[in-house]
Amino acid sequence: MAAEPVLPAEKVDMVAGLLADRVRQYDAAHDRRAAFAYTYYRLTKTLATALDTGTPAFDDPPWVAELCETLASAYFSAMDSTDAWLAGRSGRAAADAKPRDLPDSVPPPWRDVYAASSVRRSYLLEDVLFSMMAHMSYDLPGALRHMAAITGDRSHIADFQRMNDVLASCVDEVQDDLSARYIRGLSSLDNLFTRSDELLTNYGIRVARGLAWFNCDRLMDPASTEDASRSISTSTAALIAEIRAPDDRKLRAVLWILRRVIPDRRHWPAADAPLG
């Protein structure tokens, strides 16, 4: 007897379930990757609900679900490689790790993210922003390229934009719940150091994902593949440098001092805390 086909909403909900497992794993270990995993989980659950209710009405729901799976697999692969590296260190997180300390099996942007979050004064919103940058600027163009190579079809831009609308519509709520789960006063404390959380806004999500579509086209054009690969591999490091070491020397000095006197007020939820 043939197995029942899995509906697109069910596929995306299964991805959300895998992300929920990561959140619980990272929460239990007090791993700073938890905040982005939680953000990613909430965004994915929102997409699953949109597919289940048919609002908005996607032209090709199976393509939407396949893209969600393909994109998530890139994230899981990077995290698994990081976990394997940590296991070789007897599970110990690396304090003040450098990107070069992580293995080549971890893509460069995710090495940059892990190293940035390993410093003593890494703030929660930074961890989320840097991870979001790696996922949107590096993983997403690669996932779109993979999808195009399999299907030979790049005609899904309308559905891609609908996905952008769905994800962008819930980002403010997700930020509020992220703050409630991991840190009180997130907007006032963390923005002091990032100076902007534009990537985690309705507009920012749309722009970042739109740029990913453009970079996929660049990757698929032989004349621009090399430049595009270099660009998406280094854009996360550039964002980290902009936030951690701004060009303005006075601002850089002020942030250096504040980072040493203001504690990271991150807290960890109870083991049975609902994910939302």
C-alpha atoms as a PDB file:
ATOM      1  CA  MET A   1       0.000   0.000   0.000  1.00  0.00           C
ATOM      2  CA  ALA A   2       1.424   3.341  -1.067  1.00  0.00           C
ATOM      3  CA  ALA A   3       2.217   5.809   1.695  1.00  0.00           C
ATOM      4  CA  GLU A   4       0.002   8.828   1.978  1.00  0.00           C
ATOM      5  CA  PRO A   5       1.684  11.910   0.503  1.00  0.00           C
ATOM      6  CA  VAL A   6       2.910  14.439   3.039  1.00  0.00           C
ATOM      7  CA  LEU A   7       1.141  17.766   2.697  1.00  0.00           C
ATOM      8  CA  PRO A   8       3.297  20.919   2.353  1.00  0.00           C
ATOM      9  CA  ALA A   9       2.100  22.289   5.705  1.00  0.00           C
ATOM     10  CA  GLU A  10       3.014  18.977   7.360  1.00  0.00           C
ATOM     11  CA  LYS A  11       6.500  19.066   5.812  1.00  0.00           C
ATOM     12  CA  VAL A  12       7.141  22.548   7.150  1.00  0.00           C
ATOM     13  CA  ASP A  13       5.711  21.584  10.527  1.00  0.00           C
ATOM     14  CA  MET A  14       8.180  18.682  10.653  1.00  0.00           C
ATOM     15  CA  VAL A  15      11.007  21.153  10.036  1.00  0.00           C
ATOM     16  CA  ALA A  16       9.636  23.246  12.896  1.00  0.00           C
ATOM     17  CA  GLY A  17       9.684  20.146  15.089  1.00  0.00           C
ATOM     18  CA  LEU A  18      13.367  19.572  14.331  1.00  0.00           C
ATOM     19  CA  LEU A  19      14.073  23.199  15.167  1.00  0.00           C
ATOM     20  CA  ALA A  20      12.161  22.837  18.430  1.00  0.00           C
ATOM     21  CA  ASP A  21      14.477  19.932  19.294  1.00  0.00           C
ATOM     22  CA  ARG A  22      17.461  22.213  18.708  1.00  0.00           C
ATOM     23  CA  VAL A  23      15.994  24.889  20.941  1.00  0.00           C
ATOM     24  CA  ARG A  24      15.566  22.398  23.774  1.00  0.00           C
ATOM     25  CA  GLN A  25      19.056  20.990  23.227  1.00  0.00           C
ATOM     26  CA  TYR A  26      20.677  24.429  23.275  1.00  0.00           C
ATOM     27  CA  ASP A  27      18.570  25.666  26.190  1.00  0.00           C
ATOM     28  CA  ALA A  28      19.563  22.652  28.290  1.00  0.00           C
ATOM     29  CA  ALA A  29      23.244  23.230  27.513  1.00  0.00           C
ATOM     30  CA  HIS A  30      22.976  27.027  27.951  1.00  0.00           C
ATOM     31  CA  ASP A  31      24.302  27.246  24.398  1.00  0.00           C
ATOM     32  CA  ARG A  32      24.102  30.735  22.908  1.00  0.00           C
ATOM     33  CA  ARG A  33      22.835  29.289  19.644  1.00  0.00           C
ATOM     34  CA  ALA A  34      19.455  28.822  21.378  1.00  0.00           C
ATOM     35  CA  ALA A  35      18.145  32.333  20.675  1.00  0.00           C
ATOM     36  CA  PHE A  36      18.431  32.058  16.908  1.00  0.00           C
ATOM     37  CA  ALA A  37      17.136  28.478  16.912  1.00  0.00           C
ATOM     38  CA  TYR A  38      14.066  29.753  18.775  1.00  0.00           C
ATOM     39  CA  THR A  39      13.623  32.639  16.324  1.00  0.00           C
ATOM     40  CA  TYR A  40      13.947  30.249  13.378  1.00  0.00           C
ATOM     41  CA  TYR A  41      11.472  27.843  14.967  1.00  0.00           C
ATOM     42  CA  ARG A  42       8.855  30.566  15.429  1.00  0.00           C
ATOM     43  CA  LEU A  43       9.223  31.830  11.862  1.00  0.00           C
ATOM     44  CA  THR A  44       8.914  28.283  10.510  1.00  0.00           C
ATOM     45  CA  LYS A  45       5.775  27.599  12.560  1.00  0.00           C
ATOM     46  CA  THR A  46       4.259  30.756  11.100  1.00  0.00           C
ATOM     47  CA  LEU A  47       4.977  29.517   7.570  1.00  0.00           C
ATOM     48  CA  ALA A  48       3.449  26.119   8.396  1.00  0.00           C
ATOM     49  CA  THR A  49       0.279  27.835   9.598  1.00  0.00           C
ATOM     50  CA  ALA A  50       0.110  29.920   6.418  1.00  0.00           C
ATOM     51  CA  LEU A  51       0.344  26.797   4.282  1.00  0.00           C
ATOM     52  CA  ASP A  52      -2.246  24.999   6.389  1.00  0.00           C
ATOM     53  CA  THR A  53      -4.790  27.820   6.217  1.00  0.00           C
ATOM     54  CA  GLY A  54      -4.054  28.820   2.630  1.00  0.00           C
ATOM     55  CA  THR A  55      -3.475  32.415   3.668  1.00  0.00           C
ATOM     56  CA  PRO A  56      -1.852  33.670   1.551  1.00  0.00           C
ATOM     57  CA  ALA A  57      -2.723  31.383  -1.326  1.00  0.00           C
ATOM     58  CA  PHE A  58       0.577  30.061  -2.698  1.00  0.00           C
ATOM     59  CA  ASP A  59       0.673  29.042  -6.355  1.00  0.00           C
ATOM     60  CA  ASP A  60       2.928  26.061  -5.636  1.00  0.00           C
ATOM     61  CA  PRO A  61       2.811  25.028  -1.957  1.00  0.00           C
ATOM     62  CA  PRO A  62       5.040  21.939  -2.505  1.00  0.00           C
ATOM     63  CA  TRP A  63       7.792  24.223  -3.821  1.00  0.00           C
ATOM     64  CA  VAL A  64       7.460  26.441  -0.739  1.00  0.00           C
ATOM     65  CA  ALA A  65       7.748  23.413   1.547  1.00  0.00           C
ATOM     66  CA  GLU A  66      10.730  22.042  -0.400  1.00  0.00           C
ATOM     67  CA  LEU A  67      12.544  25.357  -0.144  1.00  0.00           C
ATOM     68  CA  CYS A  68      11.877  25.421   3.606  1.00  0.00           C
ATOM     69  CA  GLU A  69      13.341  21.911   3.959  1.00  0.00           C
ATOM     70  CA  THR A  70      16.340  22.648   1.753  1.00  0.00           C
ATOM     71  CA  LEU A  71      17.148  25.855   3.614  1.00  0.00           C
ATOM     72  CA  ALA A  72      16.779  24.212   7.011  1.00  0.00           C
ATOM     73  CA  SER A  73      19.068  21.366   5.972  1.00  0.00           C
ATOM     74  CA  ALA A  74      21.866  23.880   5.358  1.00  0.00           C
ATOM     75  CA  TYR A  75      21.402  25.244   8.886  1.00  0.00           C
ATOM     76  CA  PHE A  76      21.260  21.773  10.446  1.00  0.00           C
ATOM     77  CA  SER A  77      24.403  20.750   8.572  1.00  0.00           C
ATOM     78  CA  ALA A  78      26.322  23.770   9.875  1.00  0.00           C
ATOM     79  CA  MET A  79      25.125  23.157  13.435  1.00  0.00           C
ATOM     80  CA  ASP A  80      25.918  19.422  13.246  1.00  0.00           C
ATOM     81  CA  SER A  81      29.455  20.200  12.088  1.00  0.00           C
ATOM     82  CA  THR A  82      29.827  22.681  14.936  1.00  0.00           C
ATOM     83  CA  ASP A  83      28.525  20.082  17.400  1.00  0.00           C
ATOM     84  CA  ALA A  84      30.998  17.515  16.077  1.00  0.00           C
ATOM     85  CA  TRP A  85      33.821  19.993  16.629  1.00  0.00           C
ATOM     86  CA  LEU A  86      32.589  20.714  20.139  1.00  0.00           C
ATOM     87  CA  ALA A  87      32.363  16.989  20.859  1.00  0.00           C
ATOM     88  CA  GLY A  88      36.070  16.762  20.066  1.00  0.00           C
ATOM     89  CA  ARG A  89      36.559  19.320  22.802  1.00  0.00           C
ATOM     90  CA  SER A  90      34.609  17.123  25.243  1.00  0.00           C
ATOM     91  CA  GLY A  91      31.540  19.303  24.657  1.00  0.00           C
ATOM     92  CA  ARG A  92      33.179  22.445  25.999  1.00  0.00           C
ATOM     93  CA  ALA A  93      32.224  25.700  24.342  1.00  0.00           C
ATOM     94  CA  ALA A  94      35.213  27.617  23.055  1.00  0.00           C
ATOM     95  CA  ALA A  95      35.739  30.920  24.859  1.00  0.00           C
ATOM     96  CA  ASP A  96      37.012  33.630  22.522  1.00  0.00           C
ATOM     97  CA  ALA A  97      37.158  31.199  19.604  1.00  0.00           C
ATOM     98  CA  LYS A  98      38.486  32.447  16.304  1.00  0.00           C
ATOM     99  CA  PRO A  99      36.816  31.545  13.002  1.00  0.00           C
ATOM    100  CA  ARG A 100      39.940  29.652  11.989  1.00  0.00           C
ATOM    101  CA  ASP A 101      39.535  27.394  15.047  1.00  0.00           C
ATOM    102  CA  LEU A 102      36.417  25.800  13.575  1.00  0.00           C
ATOM    103  CA  PRO A 103      36.731  23.126  10.874  1.00  0.00           C
ATOM    104  CA  ASP A 104      36.210  23.676   7.164  1.00  0.00           C
ATOM    105  CA  SER A 105      33.041  21.577   7.389  1.00  0.00           C
ATOM    106  CA  VAL A 106      31.435  24.636   9.004  1.00  0.00           C
ATOM    107  CA  PRO A 107      30.718  27.260   6.309  1.00  0.00           C
ATOM    108  CA  PRO A 108      32.723  30.493   6.753  1.00  0.00           C
ATOM    109  CA  PRO A 109      29.770  32.683   7.842  1.00  0.00           C
ATOM    110  CA  TRP A 110      28.787  30.206  10.549  1.00  0.00           C
ATOM    111  CA  ARG A 111      32.397  30.084  11.756  1.00  0.00           C
ATOM    112  CA  ASP A 112      32.258  33.870  12.014  1.00  0.00           C
ATOM    113  CA  VAL A 113      28.978  33.686  13.940  1.00  0.00           C
ATOM    114  CA  TYR A 114      30.195  31.101  16.430  1.00  0.00           C
ATOM    115  CA  ALA A 115      33.417  33.005  17.062  1.00  0.00           C
ATOM    116  CA  ALA A 116      31.520  36.268  17.555  1.00  0.00           C
ATOM    117  CA  SER A 117      29.140  34.687  20.064  1.00  0.00           C
ATOM    118  CA  SER A 118      31.972  33.054  22.026  1.00  0.00           C
ATOM    119  CA  VAL A 119      33.381  36.313  23.365  1.00  0.00           C
ATOM    120  CA  ARG A 120      32.690  37.158  27.007  1.00  0.00           C
ATOM    121  CA  ARG A 121      30.432  40.102  26.227  1.00  0.00           C
ATOM    122  CA  SER A 122      28.258  38.826  23.417  1.00  0.00           C
ATOM    123  CA  TYR A 123      24.692  40.077  23.692  1.00  0.00           C
ATOM    124  CA  LEU A 124      21.624  38.094  22.753  1.00  0.00           C
ATOM    125  CA  LEU A 125      20.358  40.280  19.940  1.00  0.00           C
ATOM    126  CA  GLU A 126      23.828  40.217  18.382  1.00  0.00           C
ATOM    127  CA  ASP A 127      23.757  36.421  18.418  1.00  0.00           C
ATOM    128  CA  VAL A 128      20.403  36.434  16.625  1.00  0.00           C
ATOM    129  CA  LEU A 129      21.359  39.134  14.122  1.00  0.00           C
ATOM    130  CA  PHE A 130      24.640  37.497  13.169  1.00  0.00           C
ATOM    131  CA  SER A 131      22.982  34.089  12.753  1.00  0.00           C
ATOM    132  CA  MET A 132      20.155  35.603  10.724  1.00  0.00           C
ATOM    133  CA  MET A 133      22.708  37.278   8.484  1.00  0.00           C
ATOM    134  CA  ALA A 134      24.549  34.000   7.878  1.00  0.00           C
ATOM    135  CA  HIS A 135      21.310  32.160   7.159  1.00  0.00           C
ATOM    136  CA  MET A 136      19.779  34.792   4.887  1.00  0.00           C
ATOM    137  CA  SER A 137      22.898  35.948   3.036  1.00  0.00           C
ATOM    138  CA  TYR A 138      24.682  32.598   2.688  1.00  0.00           C
ATOM    139  CA  ASP A 139      22.355  29.628   3.220  1.00  0.00           C
ATOM    140  CA  LEU A 140      19.347  31.041   1.358  1.00  0.00           C
ATOM    141  CA  PRO A 141      21.051  31.837  -1.979  1.00  0.00           C
ATOM    142  CA  GLY A 142      22.585  28.364  -1.882  1.00  0.00           C
ATOM    143  CA  ALA A 143      19.220  26.743  -1.175  1.00  0.00           C
ATOM    144  CA  LEU A 144      17.572  28.657  -4.018  1.00  0.00           C
ATOM    145  CA  ARG A 145      20.395  27.655  -6.338  1.00  0.00           C
ATOM    146  CA  HIS A 146      19.996  24.011  -5.326  1.00  0.00           C
ATOM    147  CA  MET A 147      16.252  24.171  -5.965  1.00  0.00           C
ATOM    148  CA  ALA A 148      16.768  25.724  -9.382  1.00  0.00           C
ATOM    149  CA  ALA A 149      19.328  23.063 -10.308  1.00  0.00           C
ATOM    150  CA  ILE A 150      16.881  20.289  -9.402  1.00  0.00           C
ATOM    151  CA  THR A 151      13.777  21.723 -11.052  1.00  0.00           C
ATOM    152  CA  GLY A 152      15.385  23.813 -13.788  1.00  0.00           C
ATOM    153  CA  ASP A 153      12.763  26.398 -12.894  1.00  0.00           C
ATOM    154  CA  ARG A 154      13.146  29.960 -11.569  1.00  0.00           C
ATOM    155  CA  SER A 155       9.500  30.996 -11.982  1.00  0.00           C
ATOM    156  CA  HIS A 156       8.529  30.971  -8.313  1.00  0.00           C
ATOM    157  CA  ILE A 157       9.365  34.548  -7.427  1.00  0.00           C
ATOM    158  CA  ALA A 158       5.713  35.346  -6.620  1.00  0.00           C
ATOM    159  CA  ASP A 159       5.565  32.537  -4.065  1.00  0.00           C
ATOM    160  CA  PHE A 160       8.967  33.564  -2.732  1.00  0.00           C
ATOM    161  CA  GLN A 161       7.617  37.062  -2.123  1.00  0.00           C
ATOM    162  CA  ARG A 162       4.564  35.611  -0.406  1.00  0.00           C
ATOM    163  CA  MET A 163       6.923  33.713   1.892  1.00  0.00           C
ATOM    164  CA  ASN A 164       8.704  36.997   2.606  1.00  0.00           C
ATOM    165  CA  ASP A 165       5.382  38.612   3.504  1.00  0.00           C
ATOM    166  CA  VAL A 166       4.449  35.774   5.871  1.00  0.00           C
ATOM    167  CA  LEU A 167       7.783  35.773   7.684  1.00  0.00           C
ATOM    168  CA  ALA A 168       8.017  39.546   7.880  1.00  0.00           C
ATOM    169  CA  SER A 169       4.502  39.870   9.280  1.00  0.00           C
ATOM    170  CA  CYS A 170       5.342  38.031  12.508  1.00  0.00           C
ATOM    171  CA  VAL A 171       8.852  39.287  13.239  1.00  0.00           C
ATOM    172  CA  ASP A 172       7.798  41.924  15.795  1.00  0.00           C
ATOM    173  CA  GLU A 173       5.829  39.347  17.785  1.00  0.00           C
ATOM    174  CA  VAL A 174       8.744  36.920  17.624  1.00  0.00           C
ATOM    175  CA  GLN A 175      11.110  39.600  18.942  1.00  0.00           C
ATOM    176  CA  ASP A 176       8.796  40.253  21.889  1.00  0.00           C
ATOM    177  CA  ASP A 177       8.575  36.555  22.706  1.00  0.00           C
ATOM    178  CA  LEU A 178      12.330  36.158  22.289  1.00  0.00           C
ATOM    179  CA  SER A 179      12.843  38.919  24.844  1.00  0.00           C
ATOM    180  CA  ALA A 180      10.371  37.367  27.267  1.00  0.00           C
ATOM    181  CA  ARG A 181      12.023  33.961  26.935  1.00  0.00           C
ATOM    182  CA  TYR A 182      15.683  34.908  27.198  1.00  0.00           C
ATOM    183  CA  ILE A 183      16.214  38.463  28.408  1.00  0.00           C
ATOM    184  CA  ARG A 184      14.296  41.317  29.953  1.00  0.00           C
ATOM    185  CA  GLY A 185      14.761  44.715  28.359  1.00  0.00           C
ATOM    186  CA  LEU A 186      16.183  43.307  25.139  1.00  0.00           C
ATOM    187  CA  SER A 187      15.347  46.336  23.034  1.00  0.00           C
ATOM    188  CA  SER A 188      17.045  48.839  25.317  1.00  0.00           C
ATOM    189  CA  LEU A 189      20.113  46.810  26.273  1.00  0.00           C
ATOM    190  CA  ASP A 190      20.997  44.968  23.111  1.00  0.00           C
ATOM    191  CA  ASN A 191      20.287  47.854  20.764  1.00  0.00           C
ATOM    192  CA  LEU A 192      22.868  49.831  22.737  1.00  0.00           C
ATOM    193  CA  PHE A 193      25.474  47.556  21.200  1.00  0.00           C
ATOM    194  CA  THR A 194      23.989  46.714  17.815  1.00  0.00           C
ATOM    195  CA  ARG A 195      22.631  50.259  17.318  1.00  0.00           C
ATOM    196  CA  SER A 196      20.135  48.738  14.918  1.00  0.00           C
ATOM    197  CA  ASP A 197      18.027  45.614  14.606  1.00  0.00           C
ATOM    198  CA  GLU A 198      16.898  46.385  11.068  1.00  0.00           C
ATOM    199  CA  LEU A 199      17.456  42.826   9.884  1.00  0.00           C
ATOM    200  CA  LEU A 200      14.852  41.700  12.426  1.00  0.00           C
ATOM    201  CA  THR A 201      12.080  43.945  11.162  1.00  0.00           C
ATOM    202  CA  ASN A 202       9.300  43.527   8.630  1.00  0.00           C
ATOM    203  CA  TYR A 203      11.262  45.599   6.120  1.00  0.00           C
ATOM    204  CA  GLY A 204      14.612  44.007   6.950  1.00  0.00           C
ATOM    205  CA  ILE A 205      13.384  40.447   6.375  1.00  0.00           C
ATOM    206  CA  ARG A 206      11.993  41.404   2.974  1.00  0.00           C
ATOM    207  CA  VAL A 207      15.199  43.159   1.916  1.00  0.00           C
ATOM    208  CA  ALA A 208      17.495  40.371   3.135  1.00  0.00           C
ATOM    209  CA  ARG A 209      15.494  37.668   1.394  1.00  0.00           C
ATOM    210  CA  GLY A 210      15.155  39.749  -1.772  1.00  0.00           C
ATOM    211  CA  LEU A 211      18.922  40.154  -1.855  1.00  0.00           C
ATOM    212  CA  ALA A 212      19.260  36.385  -1.463  1.00  0.00           C
ATOM    213  CA  TRP A 213      17.180  35.862  -4.628  1.00  0.00           C
ATOM    214  CA  PHE A 214      19.442  38.305  -6.460  1.00  0.00           C
ATOM    215  CA  ASN A 215      22.566  36.557  -5.176  1.00  0.00           C
ATOM    216  CA  CYS A 216      21.182  33.230  -6.351  1.00  0.00           C
ATOM    217  CA  ASP A 217      20.997  34.696  -9.856  1.00  0.00           C
ATOM    218  CA  ARG A 218      24.601  35.844  -9.474  1.00  0.00           C
ATOM    219  CA  LEU A 219      25.690  32.381  -8.370  1.00  0.00           C
ATOM    220  CA  MET A 220      24.014  30.852 -11.408  1.00  0.00           C
ATOM    221  CA  ASP A 221      25.686  33.267 -13.836  1.00  0.00           C
ATOM    222  CA  PRO A 222      29.145  31.888 -14.719  1.00  0.00           C
ATOM    223  CA  ALA A 223      30.464  35.420 -15.175  1.00  0.00           C
ATOM    224  CA  SER A 224      29.614  36.387 -11.597  1.00  0.00           C
ATOM    225  CA  THR A 225      29.742  33.099  -9.675  1.00  0.00           C
ATOM    226  CA  GLU A 226      33.164  33.712  -8.144  1.00  0.00           C
ATOM    227  CA  ASP A 227      32.396  37.249  -7.024  1.00  0.00           C
ATOM    228  CA  ALA A 228      29.010  36.205  -5.647  1.00  0.00           C
ATOM    229  CA  SER A 229      30.516  33.308  -3.702  1.00  0.00           C
ATOM    230  CA  ARG A 230      33.119  35.611  -2.198  1.00  0.00           C
ATOM    231  CA  SER A 231      30.498  38.197  -1.308  1.00  0.00           C
ATOM    232  CA  ILE A 232      28.070  35.847   0.450  1.00  0.00           C
ATOM    233  CA  SER A 233      30.949  34.171   2.284  1.00  0.00           C
ATOM    234  CA  THR A 234      32.213  37.439   3.760  1.00  0.00           C
ATOM    235  CA  SER A 235      29.068  39.522   4.323  1.00  0.00           C
ATOM    236  CA  THR A 236      28.437  38.106   7.805  1.00  0.00           C
ATOM    237  CA  ALA A 237      31.972  38.926   8.928  1.00  0.00           C
ATOM    238  CA  ALA A 238      31.479  42.447   7.553  1.00  0.00           C
ATOM    239  CA  LEU A 239      28.300  42.919   9.617  1.00  0.00           C
ATOM    240  CA  ILE A 240      30.041  41.651  12.750  1.00  0.00           C
ATOM    241  CA  ALA A 241      32.930  44.045  12.192  1.00  0.00           C
ATOM    242  CA  GLU A 242      30.544  46.955  11.605  1.00  0.00           C
ATOM    243  CA  ILE A 243      28.818  46.313  14.932  1.00  0.00           C
ATOM    244  CA  ARG A 244      31.766  45.228  17.036  1.00  0.00           C
ATOM    245  CA  ALA A 245      34.391  47.608  15.628  1.00  0.00           C
ATOM    246  CA  PRO A 246      32.723  50.632  13.973  1.00  0.00           C
ATOM    247  CA  ASP A 247      34.875  53.029  11.933  1.00  0.00           C
ATOM    248  CA  ASP A 248      34.110  55.901  14.302  1.00  0.00           C
ATOM    249  CA  ARG A 249      36.931  55.672  16.870  1.00  0.00           C
ATOM    250  CA  LYS A 250      35.009  57.510  19.595  1.00  0.00           C
ATOM    251  CA  LEU A 251      32.006  55.255  19.211  1.00  0.00           C
ATOM    252  CA  ARG A 252      34.263  52.220  19.153  1.00  0.00           C
ATOM    253  CA  ALA A 253      35.907  53.330  22.409  1.00  0.00           C
ATOM    254  CA  VAL A 254      32.551  53.982  24.093  1.00  0.00           C
ATOM    255  CA  LEU A 255      31.211  50.583  23.066  1.00  0.00           C
ATOM    256  CA  TRP A 256      34.406  48.901  24.277  1.00  0.00           C
ATOM    257  CA  ILE A 257      33.949  50.441  27.717  1.00  0.00           C
ATOM    258  CA  LEU A 258      30.217  49.754  27.944  1.00  0.00           C
ATOM    259  CA  ARG A 259      30.706  46.162  26.881  1.00  0.00           C
ATOM    260  CA  ARG A 260      32.922  45.665  29.926  1.00  0.00           C
ATOM    261  CA  VAL A 261      30.692  47.293  32.511  1.00  0.00           C
ATOM    262  CA  ILE A 262      27.196  46.198  31.427  1.00  0.00           C
ATOM    263  CA  PRO A 263      26.506  42.505  32.026  1.00  0.00           C
ATOM    264  CA  ASP A 264      24.795  40.136  29.650  1.00  0.00           C
ATOM    265  CA  ARG A 265      21.393  39.792  31.310  1.00  0.00           C
ATOM    266  CA  ARG A 266      20.530  36.615  29.456  1.00  0.00           C
ATOM    267  CA  HIS A 267      18.577  34.014  31.375  1.00  0.00           C
ATOM    268  CA  TRP A 268      17.529  30.508  30.445  1.00  0.00           C
ATOM    269  CA  PRO A 269      13.950  29.243  30.428  1.00  0.00           C
ATOM    270  CA  ALA A 270      12.755  26.330  32.495  1.00  0.00           C
ATOM    271  CA  ALA A 271      13.024  22.917  30.862  1.00  0.00           C
ATOM    272  CA  ASP A 272       9.235  22.720  30.497  1.00  0.00           C
ATOM    273  CA  ALA A 273       8.792  26.271  29.173  1.00  0.00           C
ATOM    274  CA  PRO A 274       6.462  26.252  26.136  1.00  0.00           C
ATOM    275  CA  LEU A 275       7.951  27.271  22.809  1.00  0.00           C
ATOM    276  CA  GLY A 276       4.912  29.189  21.654  1.00  0.00           C
END
